[in-house]
């Protein structure tokens, strides 16, 4: 899953630089919720939730942070457990 997310992020950031535009804003928003009892959650379910909600945002920000530094931009991250 992480490799798929990394490839998607690279595709997006590469496309913006390939057409001569910089990145002005990043919205790294994701929410995946597995409803049910915590005790019944499988490890695969847990890893899918973490990969979607945390790793996807991490990879997006990591891929764009150098562009923001170069252009003296700012990045703002918001997290919520309520979606």
PDB file of N, CA and C in Angstrom:
ATOM      1  N   UNK A   1       0.816  -1.191   0.000  1.00  0.00           N
ATOM      2  CA  UNK A   1       0.000   0.000   0.000  1.00  0.00           C
ATOM      3  C   UNK A   1       0.862   1.257   0.000  1.00  0.00           C
ATOM      4  N   UNK A   2       1.932   1.287   0.812  1.00  0.00           N
ATOM      5  CA  UNK A   2       2.774   2.474   0.884  1.00  0.00           C
ATOM      6  C   UNK A   2       3.425   2.774  -0.460  1.00  0.00           C
ATOM      7  N   UNK A   3       3.828   1.735  -1.191  1.00  0.00           N
ATOM      8  CA  UNK A   3       4.457   1.946  -2.497  1.00  0.00           C
ATOM      9  C   UNK A   3       3.449   2.540  -3.481  1.00  0.00           C
ATOM     10  N   UNK A   4       2.213   2.088  -3.434  1.00  0.00           N
ATOM     11  CA  UNK A   4       1.167   2.645  -4.287  1.00  0.00           C
ATOM     12  C   UNK A   4       0.940   4.114  -3.959  1.00  0.00           C
ATOM     13  N   UNK A   5       0.854   4.451  -2.670  1.00  0.00           N
ATOM     14  CA  UNK A   5       0.679   5.844  -2.258  1.00  0.00           C
ATOM     15  C   UNK A   5       1.854   6.698  -2.716  1.00  0.00           C
ATOM     16  N   UNK A   6       3.063   6.201  -2.545  1.00  0.00           N
ATOM     17  CA  UNK A   6       4.254   6.947  -2.947  1.00  0.00           C
ATOM     18  C   UNK A   6       4.259   7.189  -4.451  1.00  0.00           C
ATOM     19  N   UNK A   7       3.853   6.204  -5.232  1.00  0.00           N
ATOM     20  CA  UNK A   7       3.796   6.356  -6.685  1.00  0.00           C
ATOM     21  C   UNK A   7       2.755   7.389  -7.092  1.00  0.00           C
ATOM     22  N   UNK A   8       1.613   7.404  -6.427  1.00  0.00           N
ATOM     23  CA  UNK A   8       0.567   8.384  -6.736  1.00  0.00           C
ATOM     24  C   UNK A   8       1.034   9.795  -6.411  1.00  0.00           C
ATOM     25  N   UNK A   9       1.697   9.973  -5.281  1.00  0.00           N
ATOM     26  CA  UNK A   9       2.213  11.285  -4.893  1.00  0.00           C
ATOM     27  C   UNK A   9       3.268  11.746  -5.889  1.00  0.00           C
ATOM     28  N   UNK A  10       4.161  10.846  -6.282  1.00  0.00           N
ATOM     29  CA  UNK A  10       5.207  11.200  -7.246  1.00  0.00           C
ATOM     30  C   UNK A  10       4.604  11.598  -8.590  1.00  0.00           C
ATOM     31  N   UNK A  11       3.563  10.943  -9.003  1.00  0.00           N
ATOM     32  CA  UNK A  11       2.892  11.271 -10.250  1.00  0.00           C
ATOM     33  C   UNK A  11       2.319  12.685 -10.204  1.00  0.00           C
ATOM     34  N   UNK A  12       1.674  13.021  -9.126  1.00  0.00           N
ATOM     35  CA  UNK A  12       1.063  14.350  -8.991  1.00  0.00           C
ATOM     36  C   UNK A  12       2.122  15.446  -8.922  1.00  0.00           C
ATOM     37  N   UNK A  13       3.140  15.262  -8.087  1.00  0.00           N
ATOM     38  CA  UNK A  13       4.157  16.302  -7.955  1.00  0.00           C
ATOM     39  C   UNK A  13       4.994  16.415  -9.223  1.00  0.00           C
ATOM     40  N   UNK A  14       5.250  15.311  -9.880  1.00  0.00           N
ATOM     41  CA  UNK A  14       5.991  15.343 -11.141  1.00  0.00           C
ATOM     42  C   UNK A  14       5.211  16.022 -12.240  1.00  0.00           C
ATOM     43  N   UNK A  15       3.910  15.825 -12.276  1.00  0.00           N
ATOM     44  CA  UNK A  15       3.072  16.447 -13.306  1.00  0.00           C
ATOM     45  C   UNK A  15       3.075  17.955 -13.160  1.00  0.00           C
ATOM     46  N   UNK A  16       3.020  18.460 -11.942  1.00  0.00           N
ATOM     47  CA  UNK A  16       2.985  19.913 -11.753  1.00  0.00           C
ATOM     48  C   UNK A  16       4.305  20.553 -12.158  1.00  0.00           C
ATOM     49  N   UNK A  17       5.415  19.906 -11.849  1.00  0.00           N
ATOM     50  CA  UNK A  17       6.706  20.486 -12.221  1.00  0.00           C
ATOM     51  C   UNK A  17       6.981  20.301 -13.711  1.00  0.00           C
ATOM     52  N   UNK A  18       6.431  19.250 -14.299  1.00  0.00           N
ATOM     53  CA  UNK A  18       6.645  18.978 -15.716  1.00  0.00           C
ATOM     54  C   UNK A  18       5.975  19.968 -16.639  1.00  0.00           C
ATOM     55  N   UNK A  19       4.946  20.657 -16.166  1.00  0.00           N
ATOM     56  CA  UNK A  19       4.264  21.639 -17.012  1.00  0.00           C
ATOM     57  C   UNK A  19       4.646  23.064 -16.624  1.00  0.00           C
ATOM     58  N   UNK A  20       5.656  23.196 -15.782  1.00  0.00           N
ATOM     59  CA  UNK A  20       6.182  24.507 -15.454  1.00  0.00           C
ATOM     60  C   UNK A  20       5.479  25.249 -14.345  1.00  0.00           C
ATOM     61  N   UNK A  21       4.637  24.585 -13.618  1.00  0.00           N
ATOM     62  CA  UNK A  21       3.939  25.225 -12.509  1.00  0.00           C
ATOM     63  C   UNK A  21       4.486  24.711 -11.192  1.00  0.00           C
ATOM     64  N   UNK A  22       4.538  25.585 -10.218  1.00  0.00           N
ATOM     65  CA  UNK A  22       4.927  25.176  -8.886  1.00  0.00           C
ATOM     66  C   UNK A  22       3.696  24.767  -8.095  1.00  0.00           C
ATOM     67  N   UNK A  23       3.940  24.276  -6.932  1.00  0.00           N
ATOM     68  CA  UNK A  23       2.849  23.872  -6.054  1.00  0.00           C
ATOM     69  C   UNK A  23       2.595  25.007  -5.075  1.00  0.00           C
ATOM     70  N   UNK A  24       1.387  25.535  -5.093  1.00  0.00           N
ATOM     71  CA  UNK A  24       1.027  26.644  -4.219  1.00  0.00           C
ATOM     72  C   UNK A  24       0.327  26.184  -2.946  1.00  0.00           C
ATOM     73  N   UNK A  25      -0.369  25.090  -3.019  1.00  0.00           N
ATOM     74  CA  UNK A  25      -1.131  24.608  -1.873  1.00  0.00           C
ATOM     75  C   UNK A  25      -1.223  23.088  -1.920  1.00  0.00           C
ATOM     76  N   UNK A  26      -1.208  22.498  -0.768  1.00  0.00           N
ATOM     77  CA  UNK A  26      -1.378  21.054  -0.657  1.00  0.00           C
ATOM     78  C   UNK A  26      -2.494  20.797   0.351  1.00  0.00           C
ATOM     79  N   UNK A  27      -3.458  20.035  -0.068  1.00  0.00           N
ATOM     80  CA  UNK A  27      -4.501  19.574   0.837  1.00  0.00           C
ATOM     81  C   UNK A  27      -4.338  18.067   0.942  1.00  0.00           C
ATOM     82  N   UNK A  28      -3.772  17.643   2.032  1.00  0.00           N
ATOM     83  CA  UNK A  28      -3.530  16.227   2.256  1.00  0.00           C
ATOM     84  C   UNK A  28      -4.602  15.722   3.210  1.00  0.00           C
ATOM     85  N   UNK A  29      -5.743  15.441   2.661  1.00  0.00           N
ATOM     86  CA  UNK A  29      -6.891  15.071   3.476  1.00  0.00           C
ATOM     87  C   UNK A  29      -7.296  13.634   3.151  1.00  0.00           C
ATOM     88  N   UNK A  30      -7.430  12.851   4.155  1.00  0.00           N
ATOM     89  CA  UNK A  30      -7.860  11.470   3.953  1.00  0.00           C
ATOM     90  C   UNK A  30      -8.635  11.009   5.177  1.00  0.00           C
ATOM     91  N   UNK A  31      -9.593  10.169   4.932  1.00  0.00           N
ATOM     92  CA  UNK A  31     -10.306   9.587   6.062  1.00  0.00           C
ATOM     93  C   UNK A  31     -10.832   8.221   5.653  1.00  0.00           C
ATOM     94  N   UNK A  32     -10.359   7.241   6.321  1.00  0.00           N
ATOM     95  CA  UNK A  32     -10.860   5.889   6.144  1.00  0.00           C
ATOM     96  C   UNK A  32     -11.190   5.367   7.532  1.00  0.00           C
ATOM     97  N   UNK A  33     -12.396   4.923   7.682  1.00  0.00           N
ATOM     98  CA  UNK A  33     -12.841   4.424   8.983  1.00  0.00           C
ATOM     99  C   UNK A  33     -13.391   3.029   8.804  1.00  0.00           C
ATOM    100  N   UNK A  34     -12.951   2.136   9.624  1.00  0.00           N
ATOM    101  CA  UNK A  34     -13.477   0.774   9.646  1.00  0.00           C
ATOM    102  C   UNK A  34     -14.415   0.677  10.839  1.00  0.00           C
ATOM    103  N   UNK A  35     -15.702   0.693  10.572  1.00  0.00           N
ATOM    104  CA  UNK A  35     -16.670   0.616  11.653  1.00  0.00           C
ATOM    105  C   UNK A  35     -16.694  -0.786  12.245  1.00  0.00           C
ATOM    106  N   UNK A  36     -16.902  -0.814  13.502  1.00  0.00           N
ATOM    107  CA  UNK A  36     -16.977  -2.095  14.201  1.00  0.00           C
ATOM    108  C   UNK A  36     -16.264  -2.006  15.535  1.00  0.00           C
ATOM    109  N   UNK A  37     -16.269  -3.079  16.222  1.00  0.00           N
ATOM    110  CA  UNK A  37     -15.627  -3.128  17.528  1.00  0.00           C
ATOM    111  C   UNK A  37     -14.118  -3.226  17.364  1.00  0.00           C
ATOM    112  N   UNK A  38     -13.419  -2.459  18.182  1.00  0.00           N
ATOM    113  CA  UNK A  38     -11.961  -2.470  18.155  1.00  0.00           C
ATOM    114  C   UNK A  38     -11.416  -3.885  18.328  1.00  0.00           C
ATOM    115  N   UNK A  39     -12.008  -4.645  19.214  1.00  0.00           N
ATOM    116  CA  UNK A  39     -11.544  -6.003  19.497  1.00  0.00           C
ATOM    117  C   UNK A  39     -11.673  -6.927  18.287  1.00  0.00           C
ATOM    118  N   UNK A  40     -12.562  -6.578  17.364  1.00  0.00           N
ATOM    119  CA  UNK A  40     -12.776  -7.410  16.171  1.00  0.00           C
ATOM    120  C   UNK A  40     -11.962  -6.951  14.967  1.00  0.00           C
ATOM    121  N   UNK A  41     -11.265  -5.834  15.098  1.00  0.00           N
ATOM    122  CA  UNK A  41     -10.488  -5.297  13.984  1.00  0.00           C
ATOM    123  C   UNK A  41      -9.284  -6.186  13.704  1.00  0.00           C
ATOM    124  N   UNK A  42      -9.057  -6.480  12.433  1.00  0.00           N
ATOM    125  CA  UNK A  42      -7.901  -7.289  12.066  1.00  0.00           C
ATOM    126  C   UNK A  42      -6.677  -6.396  11.891  1.00  0.00           C
ATOM    127  N   UNK A  43      -5.520  -6.999  11.883  1.00  0.00           N
ATOM    128  CA  UNK A  43      -4.288  -6.248  11.652  1.00  0.00           C
ATOM    129  C   UNK A  43      -4.297  -5.625  10.261  1.00  0.00           C
ATOM    130  N   UNK A  44      -4.817  -6.338   9.265  1.00  0.00           N
ATOM    131  CA  UNK A  44      -4.912  -5.783   7.911  1.00  0.00           C
ATOM    132  C   UNK A  44      -5.807  -4.543   7.882  1.00  0.00           C
ATOM    133  N   UNK A  45      -6.935  -4.577   8.606  1.00  0.00           N
ATOM    134  CA  UNK A  45      -7.805  -3.406   8.695  1.00  0.00           C
ATOM    135  C   UNK A  45      -7.059  -2.236   9.333  1.00  0.00           C
ATOM    136  N   UNK A  46      -6.364  -2.508  10.426  1.00  0.00           N
ATOM    137  CA  UNK A  46      -5.618  -1.479  11.149  1.00  0.00           C
ATOM    138  C   UNK A  46      -4.564  -0.843  10.244  1.00  0.00           C
ATOM    139  N   UNK A  47      -3.829  -1.669   9.527  1.00  0.00           N
ATOM    140  CA  UNK A  47      -2.776  -1.156   8.653  1.00  0.00           C
ATOM    141  C   UNK A  47      -3.351  -0.347   7.490  1.00  0.00           C
ATOM    142  N   UNK A  48      -4.510  -0.740   6.979  1.00  0.00           N
ATOM    143  CA  UNK A  48      -5.159   0.022   5.908  1.00  0.00           C
ATOM    144  C   UNK A  48      -5.577   1.403   6.403  1.00  0.00           C
ATOM    145  N   UNK A  49      -6.133   1.462   7.598  1.00  0.00           N
ATOM    146  CA  UNK A  49      -6.541   2.748   8.172  1.00  0.00           C
ATOM    147  C   UNK A  49      -5.319   3.647   8.368  1.00  0.00           C
ATOM    148  N   UNK A  50      -4.253   3.113   8.940  1.00  0.00           N
ATOM    149  CA  UNK A  50      -3.044   3.907   9.154  1.00  0.00           C
ATOM    150  C   UNK A  50      -2.418   4.346   7.835  1.00  0.00           C
ATOM    151  N   UNK A  51      -2.346   3.452   6.875  1.00  0.00           N
ATOM    152  CA  UNK A  51      -1.756   3.794   5.582  1.00  0.00           C
ATOM    153  C   UNK A  51      -2.523   4.905   4.897  1.00  0.00           C
ATOM    154  N   UNK A  52      -3.829   4.828   4.943  1.00  0.00           N
ATOM    155  CA  UNK A  52      -4.650   5.840   4.281  1.00  0.00           C
ATOM    156  C   UNK A  52      -4.616   7.163   5.022  1.00  0.00           C
ATOM    157  N   UNK A  53      -4.817   7.120   6.321  1.00  0.00           N
ATOM    158  CA  UNK A  53      -4.994   8.345   7.099  1.00  0.00           C
ATOM    159  C   UNK A  53      -3.686   9.020   7.506  1.00  0.00           C
ATOM    160  N   UNK A  54      -2.636   8.276   7.694  1.00  0.00           N
ATOM    161  CA  UNK A  54      -1.375   8.866   8.149  1.00  0.00           C
ATOM    162  C   UNK A  54      -0.282   8.825   7.095  1.00  0.00           C
ATOM    163  N   UNK A  55      -0.023   7.657   6.540  1.00  0.00           N
ATOM    164  CA  UNK A  55       1.079   7.521   5.595  1.00  0.00           C
ATOM    165  C   UNK A  55       0.834   8.322   4.325  1.00  0.00           C
ATOM    166  N   UNK A  56      -0.406   8.373   3.851  1.00  0.00           N
ATOM    167  CA  UNK A  56      -0.717   9.159   2.660  1.00  0.00           C
ATOM    168  C   UNK A  56      -0.422  10.635   2.863  1.00  0.00           C
ATOM    169  N   UNK A  57      -0.784  11.173   4.015  1.00  0.00           N
ATOM    170  CA  UNK A  57      -0.496  12.575   4.314  1.00  0.00           C
ATOM    171  C   UNK A  57       1.000  12.807   4.464  1.00  0.00           C
ATOM    172  N   UNK A  58       1.680  11.895   5.132  1.00  0.00           N
ATOM    173  CA  UNK A  58       3.130  12.010   5.305  1.00  0.00           C
ATOM    174  C   UNK A  58       3.830  12.051   3.952  1.00  0.00           C
ATOM    175  N   UNK A  59       3.493  11.135   3.068  1.00  0.00           N
ATOM    176  CA  UNK A  59       4.145  11.078   1.755  1.00  0.00           C
ATOM    177  C   UNK A  59       3.853  12.318   0.918  1.00  0.00           C
ATOM    178  N   UNK A  60       2.625  12.811   0.996  1.00  0.00           N
ATOM    179  CA  UNK A  60       2.256  14.017   0.248  1.00  0.00           C
ATOM    180  C   UNK A  60       3.070  15.215   0.732  1.00  0.00           C
ATOM    181  N   UNK A  61       3.145  15.389   2.030  1.00  0.00           N
ATOM    182  CA  UNK A  61       3.898  16.511   2.585  1.00  0.00           C
ATOM    183  C   UNK A  61       5.393  16.364   2.319  1.00  0.00           C
ATOM    184  N   UNK A  62       5.906  15.174   2.450  1.00  0.00           N
ATOM    185  CA  UNK A  62       7.320  14.939   2.215  1.00  0.00           C
ATOM    186  C   UNK A  62       7.692  15.240   0.761  1.00  0.00           C
ATOM    187  N   UNK A  63       6.808  14.897  -0.161  1.00  0.00           N
ATOM    188  CA  UNK A  63       7.079  15.113  -1.583  1.00  0.00           C
ATOM    189  C   UNK A  63       7.014  16.582  -1.979  1.00  0.00           C
ATOM    190  N   UNK A  64       6.340  17.398  -1.203  1.00  0.00           N
ATOM    191  CA  UNK A  64       6.154  18.796  -1.575  1.00  0.00           C
ATOM    192  C   UNK A  64       6.929  19.782  -0.702  1.00  0.00           C
ATOM    193  N   UNK A  65       7.497  19.338   0.391  1.00  0.00           N
ATOM    194  CA  UNK A  65       8.143  20.253   1.332  1.00  0.00           C
ATOM    195  C   UNK A  65       9.315  21.000   0.692  1.00  0.00           C
ATOM    196  N   UNK A  66      10.087  20.376  -0.156  1.00  0.00           N
ATOM    197  CA  UNK A  66      11.224  21.054  -0.785  1.00  0.00           C
ATOM    198  C   UNK A  66      10.758  22.164  -1.722  1.00  0.00           C
ATOM    199  N   UNK A  67       9.656  21.944  -2.415  1.00  0.00           N
ATOM    200  CA  UNK A  67       9.081  22.987  -3.271  1.00  0.00           C
ATOM    201  C   UNK A  67       8.661  24.190  -2.425  1.00  0.00           C
ATOM    202  N   UNK A  68       8.055  23.931  -1.298  1.00  0.00           N
ATOM    203  CA  UNK A  68       7.650  25.018  -0.409  1.00  0.00           C
ATOM    204  C   UNK A  68       8.873  25.740   0.157  1.00  0.00           C
ATOM    205  N   UNK A  69       9.899  25.024   0.506  1.00  0.00           N
ATOM    206  CA  UNK A  69      11.124  25.658   1.014  1.00  0.00           C
ATOM    207  C   UNK A  69      11.759  26.530  -0.060  1.00  0.00           C
ATOM    208  N   UNK A  70      11.841  25.995  -1.259  1.00  0.00           N
ATOM    209  CA  UNK A  70      12.463  26.714  -2.372  1.00  0.00           C
ATOM    210  C   UNK A  70      11.735  28.021  -2.647  1.00  0.00           C
ATOM    211  N   UNK A  71      10.429  27.991  -2.571  1.00  0.00           N
ATOM    212  CA  UNK A  71       9.619  29.168  -2.869  1.00  0.00           C
ATOM    213  C   UNK A  71       9.269  29.974  -1.617  1.00  0.00           C
ATOM    214  N   UNK A  72       9.857  29.592  -0.488  1.00  0.00           N
ATOM    215  CA  UNK A  72       9.604  30.244   0.802  1.00  0.00           C
ATOM    216  C   UNK A  72       8.119  30.231   1.155  1.00  0.00           C
ATOM    217  N   UNK A  73       7.482  29.137   0.842  1.00  0.00           N
ATOM    218  CA  UNK A  73       6.065  28.965   1.155  1.00  0.00           C
ATOM    219  C   UNK A  73       5.878  28.372   2.538  1.00  0.00           C
ATOM    220  N   UNK A  74       4.650  28.150   2.880  1.00  0.00           N
ATOM    221  CA  UNK A  74       4.312  27.588   4.185  1.00  0.00           C
ATOM    222  C   UNK A  74       3.381  26.399   3.999  1.00  0.00           C
ATOM    223  N   UNK A  75       3.470  25.480   4.916  1.00  0.00           N
ATOM    224  CA  UNK A  75       2.620  24.301   4.895  1.00  0.00           C
ATOM    225  C   UNK A  75       1.848  24.260   6.209  1.00  0.00           C
ATOM    226  N   UNK A  76       0.587  24.014   6.122  1.00  0.00           N
ATOM    227  CA  UNK A  76      -0.259  23.933   7.308  1.00  0.00           C
ATOM    228  C   UNK A  76      -0.946  22.576   7.323  1.00  0.00           C
ATOM    229  N   UNK A  77      -0.828  21.879   8.422  1.00  0.00           N
ATOM    230  CA  UNK A  77      -1.437  20.555   8.546  1.00  0.00           C
ATOM    231  C   UNK A  77      -2.492  20.581   9.635  1.00  0.00           C
ATOM    232  N   UNK A  78      -3.592  19.933   9.363  1.00  0.00           N
ATOM    233  CA  UNK A  78      -4.654  19.804  10.345  1.00  0.00           C
ATOM    234  C   UNK A  78      -5.074  18.358  10.475  1.00  0.00           C
ATOM    235  N   UNK A  79      -5.292  17.939  11.674  1.00  0.00           N
ATOM    236  CA  UNK A  79      -5.705  16.572  11.928  1.00  0.00           C
ATOM    237  C   UNK A  79      -6.935  16.577  12.817  1.00  0.00           C
ATOM    238  N   UNK A  80      -7.797  15.620  12.598  1.00  0.00           N
ATOM    239  CA  UNK A  80      -8.989  15.518  13.422  1.00  0.00           C
ATOM    240  C   UNK A  80      -9.369  14.059  13.583  1.00  0.00           C
ATOM    241  N   UNK A  81      -9.773  13.684  14.746  1.00  0.00           N
ATOM    242  CA  UNK A  81     -10.238  12.324  14.953  1.00  0.00           C
ATOM    243  C   UNK A  81     -11.747  12.224  14.669  1.00  0.00           C
ATOM    244  N   UNK A  82     -12.352  13.325  14.293  1.00  0.00           N
ATOM    245  CA  UNK A  82     -13.779  13.336  13.976  1.00  0.00           C
ATOM    246  C   UNK A  82     -14.044  13.368  12.476  1.00  0.00           C
ATOM    247  N   UNK A  83     -12.995  13.269  11.686  1.00  0.00           N
ATOM    248  CA  UNK A  83     -13.154  13.313  10.237  1.00  0.00           C
ATOM    249  C   UNK A  83     -13.205  14.702   9.783  1.00  0.00           C
TER     250      UNK A  83
END
